[in-house]
N, C-alpha and C. Protein backbone atom coordinates (compact mmCIF):
# COMPACT_ATOMS: atom_id res chain seq x y z
N MET A 1 -23.25 180.41 -12.24
CA MET A 1 -24.43 179.91 -11.57
C MET A 1 -25.67 180.45 -12.30
N ALA A 2 -26.65 179.60 -12.50
CA ALA A 2 -27.88 179.99 -13.16
C ALA A 2 -28.62 181.04 -12.33
N LYS A 3 -29.36 181.88 -13.03
CA LYS A 3 -30.12 182.94 -12.36
C LYS A 3 -31.07 182.40 -11.31
N ASP A 4 -31.69 181.28 -11.60
CA ASP A 4 -32.73 180.76 -10.71
C ASP A 4 -32.21 179.71 -9.73
N HIS A 5 -30.90 179.59 -9.60
CA HIS A 5 -30.33 178.62 -8.67
C HIS A 5 -30.59 179.06 -7.23
N PRO A 6 -31.10 178.17 -6.37
CA PRO A 6 -31.36 178.55 -4.98
C PRO A 6 -30.07 178.96 -4.25
N THR A 7 -30.16 180.08 -3.55
CA THR A 7 -28.99 180.59 -2.83
C THR A 7 -29.19 180.59 -1.32
N GLY A 8 -30.42 180.46 -0.87
CA GLY A 8 -30.71 180.57 0.56
C GLY A 8 -30.85 182.01 1.00
N LYS A 9 -30.76 182.94 0.05
CA LYS A 9 -30.81 184.37 0.39
C LYS A 9 -32.12 185.03 -0.03
N SER A 10 -33.01 184.26 -0.59
CA SER A 10 -34.30 184.79 -1.03
C SER A 10 -35.19 185.06 0.19
N GLY A 11 -36.15 185.93 0.01
CA GLY A 11 -37.15 186.19 1.05
C GLY A 11 -38.00 184.96 1.36
N LEU A 12 -37.94 183.96 0.49
CA LEU A 12 -38.71 182.74 0.69
C LEU A 12 -38.41 182.11 2.05
N TYR A 13 -37.15 182.07 2.43
CA TYR A 13 -36.76 181.38 3.66
C TYR A 13 -37.23 182.13 4.89
N ALA A 14 -37.21 183.44 4.85
CA ALA A 14 -37.75 184.24 5.95
C ALA A 14 -39.28 184.08 6.01
N ALA A 15 -39.91 183.90 4.86
CA ALA A 15 -41.36 183.73 4.83
C ALA A 15 -41.78 182.48 5.61
N PHE A 16 -40.97 181.41 5.53
CA PHE A 16 -41.29 180.20 6.29
C PHE A 16 -41.37 180.49 7.79
N LEU A 17 -40.54 181.39 8.26
CA LEU A 17 -40.52 181.71 9.69
C LEU A 17 -41.77 182.48 10.13
N GLU A 18 -42.50 183.01 9.18
CA GLU A 18 -43.74 183.74 9.48
C GLU A 18 -44.94 182.81 9.64
N LEU A 19 -44.82 181.58 9.21
CA LEU A 19 -45.93 180.63 9.24
C LEU A 19 -46.13 180.12 10.67
N GLU A 20 -47.39 180.06 11.09
CA GLU A 20 -47.67 179.74 12.49
C GLU A 20 -48.28 178.37 12.73
N THR A 21 -48.90 177.78 11.71
CA THR A 21 -49.55 176.48 11.90
C THR A 21 -49.22 175.57 10.73
N PRO A 22 -49.34 174.26 10.92
CA PRO A 22 -49.16 173.35 9.78
C PRO A 22 -50.11 173.66 8.63
N GLU A 23 -51.34 174.04 8.94
CA GLU A 23 -52.31 174.37 7.89
C GLU A 23 -51.86 175.59 7.09
N GLU A 24 -51.35 176.61 7.79
CA GLU A 24 -50.87 177.80 7.10
C GLU A 24 -49.66 177.46 6.23
N CYS A 25 -48.78 176.60 6.74
CA CYS A 25 -47.61 176.17 5.98
C CYS A 25 -48.06 175.42 4.72
N TYR A 26 -49.02 174.51 4.88
CA TYR A 26 -49.54 173.75 3.75
C TYR A 26 -50.11 174.70 2.69
N ARG A 27 -50.91 175.66 3.11
CA ARG A 27 -51.51 176.60 2.17
C ARG A 27 -50.45 177.45 1.47
N PHE A 28 -49.42 177.87 2.21
CA PHE A 28 -48.33 178.64 1.61
C PHE A 28 -47.61 177.79 0.56
N LEU A 29 -47.30 176.54 0.90
CA LEU A 29 -46.61 175.67 -0.05
C LEU A 29 -47.47 175.39 -1.27
N GLN A 30 -48.79 175.30 -1.10
CA GLN A 30 -49.68 175.16 -2.26
C GLN A 30 -49.60 176.38 -3.16
N ASP A 31 -49.40 177.55 -2.55
CA ASP A 31 -49.30 178.79 -3.32
C ASP A 31 -48.02 178.84 -4.15
N VAL A 32 -46.92 178.31 -3.61
CA VAL A 32 -45.63 178.49 -4.28
C VAL A 32 -45.10 177.23 -4.97
N CYS A 33 -45.72 176.09 -4.75
CA CYS A 33 -45.25 174.83 -5.34
C CYS A 33 -46.30 174.23 -6.25
N SER A 34 -45.85 173.49 -7.24
CA SER A 34 -46.79 172.71 -8.03
C SER A 34 -47.21 171.50 -7.21
N TYR A 35 -48.26 170.85 -7.65
CA TYR A 35 -48.72 169.64 -6.99
C TYR A 35 -47.60 168.61 -6.93
N ALA A 36 -46.88 168.44 -8.04
CA ALA A 36 -45.79 167.45 -8.10
C ALA A 36 -44.66 167.80 -7.14
N GLU A 37 -44.31 169.08 -7.04
CA GLU A 37 -43.24 169.50 -6.12
C GLU A 37 -43.62 169.24 -4.67
N LEU A 38 -44.84 169.60 -4.32
CA LEU A 38 -45.31 169.40 -2.95
C LEU A 38 -45.40 167.91 -2.63
N SER A 39 -45.89 167.12 -3.57
CA SER A 39 -45.96 165.67 -3.38
C SER A 39 -44.58 165.07 -3.18
N ALA A 40 -43.60 165.53 -3.96
CA ALA A 40 -42.23 165.03 -3.84
C ALA A 40 -41.64 165.36 -2.48
N MET A 41 -41.89 166.59 -1.99
CA MET A 41 -41.38 166.96 -0.67
C MET A 41 -42.01 166.12 0.44
N GLU A 42 -43.33 165.93 0.36
CA GLU A 42 -44.01 165.09 1.36
C GLU A 42 -43.48 163.67 1.31
N GLN A 43 -43.27 163.14 0.10
CA GLN A 43 -42.77 161.78 -0.04
C GLN A 43 -41.39 161.66 0.62
N ARG A 44 -40.52 162.62 0.38
CA ARG A 44 -39.17 162.56 0.95
C ARG A 44 -39.21 162.66 2.47
N TYR A 45 -40.09 163.48 3.00
CA TYR A 45 -40.22 163.57 4.45
C TYR A 45 -40.72 162.24 5.02
N ASN A 46 -41.71 161.64 4.35
CA ASN A 46 -42.23 160.33 4.80
C ASN A 46 -41.14 159.27 4.73
N ILE A 47 -40.33 159.31 3.70
CA ILE A 47 -39.20 158.36 3.58
C ILE A 47 -38.25 158.57 4.74
N ALA A 48 -37.95 159.82 5.06
CA ALA A 48 -37.03 160.12 6.16
C ALA A 48 -37.56 159.56 7.48
N GLU A 49 -38.86 159.72 7.72
CA GLU A 49 -39.46 159.16 8.94
C GLU A 49 -39.26 157.64 8.99
N LYS A 50 -39.51 156.99 7.87
CA LYS A 50 -39.39 155.53 7.83
C LYS A 50 -37.94 155.08 7.99
N LEU A 51 -37.02 155.81 7.38
CA LEU A 51 -35.59 155.47 7.54
C LEU A 51 -35.15 155.66 8.99
N MET A 52 -35.64 156.70 9.63
CA MET A 52 -35.29 156.94 11.04
C MET A 52 -35.84 155.80 11.91
N ARG A 53 -36.93 155.20 11.47
CA ARG A 53 -37.53 154.07 12.21
C ARG A 53 -36.92 152.73 11.78
N LYS A 54 -35.85 152.82 10.99
CA LYS A 54 -35.06 151.65 10.56
C LYS A 54 -35.82 150.72 9.63
N GLN A 55 -36.78 151.25 8.88
CA GLN A 55 -37.47 150.43 7.89
C GLN A 55 -36.53 150.21 6.71
N SER A 56 -36.65 149.06 6.08
CA SER A 56 -35.78 148.71 4.96
C SER A 56 -36.18 149.47 3.69
N TYR A 57 -35.21 149.60 2.78
CA TYR A 57 -35.49 150.21 1.48
C TYR A 57 -36.64 149.47 0.80
N THR A 58 -36.60 148.15 0.83
CA THR A 58 -37.62 147.33 0.16
C THR A 58 -39.00 147.63 0.72
N SER A 59 -39.10 147.72 2.04
CA SER A 59 -40.37 148.03 2.68
C SER A 59 -40.85 149.42 2.28
N ILE A 60 -39.95 150.39 2.27
CA ILE A 60 -40.31 151.76 1.90
C ILE A 60 -40.74 151.82 0.44
N MET A 61 -40.00 151.13 -0.43
CA MET A 61 -40.36 151.11 -1.85
C MET A 61 -41.77 150.54 -2.03
N GLY A 62 -42.08 149.49 -1.29
CA GLY A 62 -43.39 148.86 -1.40
C GLY A 62 -44.51 149.70 -0.82
N ASN A 63 -44.25 150.37 0.30
CA ASN A 63 -45.29 151.15 0.98
C ASN A 63 -45.51 152.53 0.37
N ILE A 64 -44.45 153.16 -0.07
CA ILE A 64 -44.55 154.53 -0.57
C ILE A 64 -44.50 154.58 -2.09
N GLY A 65 -43.82 153.62 -2.69
CA GLY A 65 -43.69 153.62 -4.14
C GLY A 65 -42.54 154.48 -4.62
N ALA A 66 -41.62 154.80 -3.72
CA ALA A 66 -40.46 155.62 -4.10
C ALA A 66 -39.38 154.75 -4.72
N SER A 67 -38.56 155.36 -5.55
CA SER A 67 -37.45 154.64 -6.15
C SER A 67 -36.33 154.48 -5.13
N SER A 68 -35.48 153.50 -5.38
CA SER A 68 -34.33 153.30 -4.49
C SER A 68 -33.39 154.50 -4.55
N ALA A 69 -33.33 155.19 -5.69
CA ALA A 69 -32.47 156.37 -5.82
C ALA A 69 -32.94 157.49 -4.87
N ILE A 70 -34.24 157.72 -4.80
CA ILE A 70 -34.77 158.75 -3.91
C ILE A 70 -34.55 158.35 -2.45
N ILE A 71 -34.80 157.09 -2.14
CA ILE A 71 -34.60 156.62 -0.76
C ILE A 71 -33.12 156.77 -0.38
N SER A 72 -32.24 156.44 -1.29
CA SER A 72 -30.81 156.57 -1.05
C SER A 72 -30.42 158.03 -0.82
N ARG A 73 -30.98 158.93 -1.60
CA ARG A 73 -30.68 160.35 -1.43
C ARG A 73 -31.11 160.83 -0.05
N VAL A 74 -32.32 160.46 0.37
CA VAL A 74 -32.81 160.87 1.69
C VAL A 74 -31.93 160.26 2.78
N SER A 75 -31.52 159.02 2.59
CA SER A 75 -30.64 158.36 3.55
C SER A 75 -29.32 159.11 3.69
N ARG A 76 -28.76 159.56 2.58
CA ARG A 76 -27.51 160.34 2.62
C ARG A 76 -27.71 161.64 3.39
N VAL A 77 -28.83 162.29 3.17
CA VAL A 77 -29.12 163.54 3.89
C VAL A 77 -29.17 163.28 5.39
N LEU A 78 -29.87 162.21 5.78
CA LEU A 78 -29.98 161.89 7.20
C LEU A 78 -28.64 161.52 7.82
N GLY A 79 -27.72 161.02 7.01
CA GLY A 79 -26.42 160.60 7.50
C GLY A 79 -25.42 161.72 7.69
N ARG A 80 -25.72 162.89 7.16
CA ARG A 80 -24.80 164.02 7.31
C ARG A 80 -24.81 164.54 8.74
N ASP A 81 -23.65 164.97 9.21
CA ASP A 81 -23.55 165.53 10.56
C ASP A 81 -24.42 166.77 10.75
N ASP A 82 -24.59 167.55 9.69
CA ASP A 82 -25.34 168.80 9.78
C ASP A 82 -26.77 168.68 9.25
N SER A 83 -27.34 167.48 9.27
CA SER A 83 -28.68 167.26 8.71
C SER A 83 -29.76 167.93 9.58
N VAL A 84 -30.35 168.97 9.04
CA VAL A 84 -31.45 169.65 9.72
C VAL A 84 -32.68 168.74 9.73
N LEU A 85 -32.88 168.01 8.66
CA LEU A 85 -34.01 167.09 8.58
C LEU A 85 -33.95 166.08 9.71
N ARG A 86 -32.79 165.46 9.92
CA ARG A 86 -32.64 164.48 11.00
C ARG A 86 -32.89 165.14 12.36
N ARG A 87 -32.35 166.34 12.55
CA ARG A 87 -32.53 167.04 13.83
C ARG A 87 -34.01 167.31 14.11
N ILE A 88 -34.74 167.72 13.09
CA ILE A 88 -36.17 167.99 13.26
C ILE A 88 -36.92 166.70 13.58
N LEU A 89 -36.61 165.63 12.87
CA LEU A 89 -37.29 164.35 13.15
C LEU A 89 -36.99 163.89 14.57
N GLU A 90 -35.75 163.99 15.00
CA GLU A 90 -35.39 163.59 16.36
C GLU A 90 -36.11 164.46 17.39
N LYS A 91 -36.18 165.75 17.12
CA LYS A 91 -36.87 166.69 18.01
C LYS A 91 -38.35 166.31 18.15
N ASN A 92 -38.92 165.80 17.05
CA ASN A 92 -40.33 165.40 17.06
C ASN A 92 -40.54 163.96 17.48
N GLY A 93 -39.50 163.34 18.01
CA GLY A 93 -39.63 161.99 18.57
C GLY A 93 -39.61 160.86 17.56
N VAL A 94 -39.17 161.12 16.35
CA VAL A 94 -39.11 160.07 15.34
C VAL A 94 -37.77 159.39 15.44
N SER A 95 -37.79 158.12 15.82
CA SER A 95 -36.56 157.35 15.92
C SER A 95 -36.91 155.86 15.81
N ALA A 96 -35.90 155.03 15.82
CA ALA A 96 -36.13 153.59 15.73
C ALA A 96 -37.08 153.17 16.84
N GLY A 97 -38.08 152.40 16.47
CA GLY A 97 -39.03 151.88 17.45
C GLY A 97 -40.29 152.71 17.59
N THR A 98 -40.35 153.93 17.01
CA THR A 98 -41.58 154.73 17.09
C THR A 98 -42.47 154.37 15.92
N GLU A 99 -43.75 154.52 16.10
CA GLU A 99 -44.73 154.16 15.07
C GLU A 99 -45.15 155.36 14.26
N ASP A 100 -45.70 155.08 13.07
CA ASP A 100 -46.25 156.14 12.18
C ASP A 100 -47.39 156.87 12.82
């Protein structure tokens, strides 16, 4: 395994639990991520919201500009039984029939 491969054991994950507001989280992510990395994460979250609302790949590609490969990857994540992303979206009321 490469030295820099994510293990889930870094202090980074505990640091997320210290964040108290969306603004603080955003500022923390700006500190540790490049603009491209942060944009990619936001895009994937937005794709997940749209997939949960049953929007089509074509619609998502047109509205967000994401590739079908990225949309497919997010869809696979949402389809897993242990998907934390799906659980968070459901907890926040994102489901078929809800609006942006």
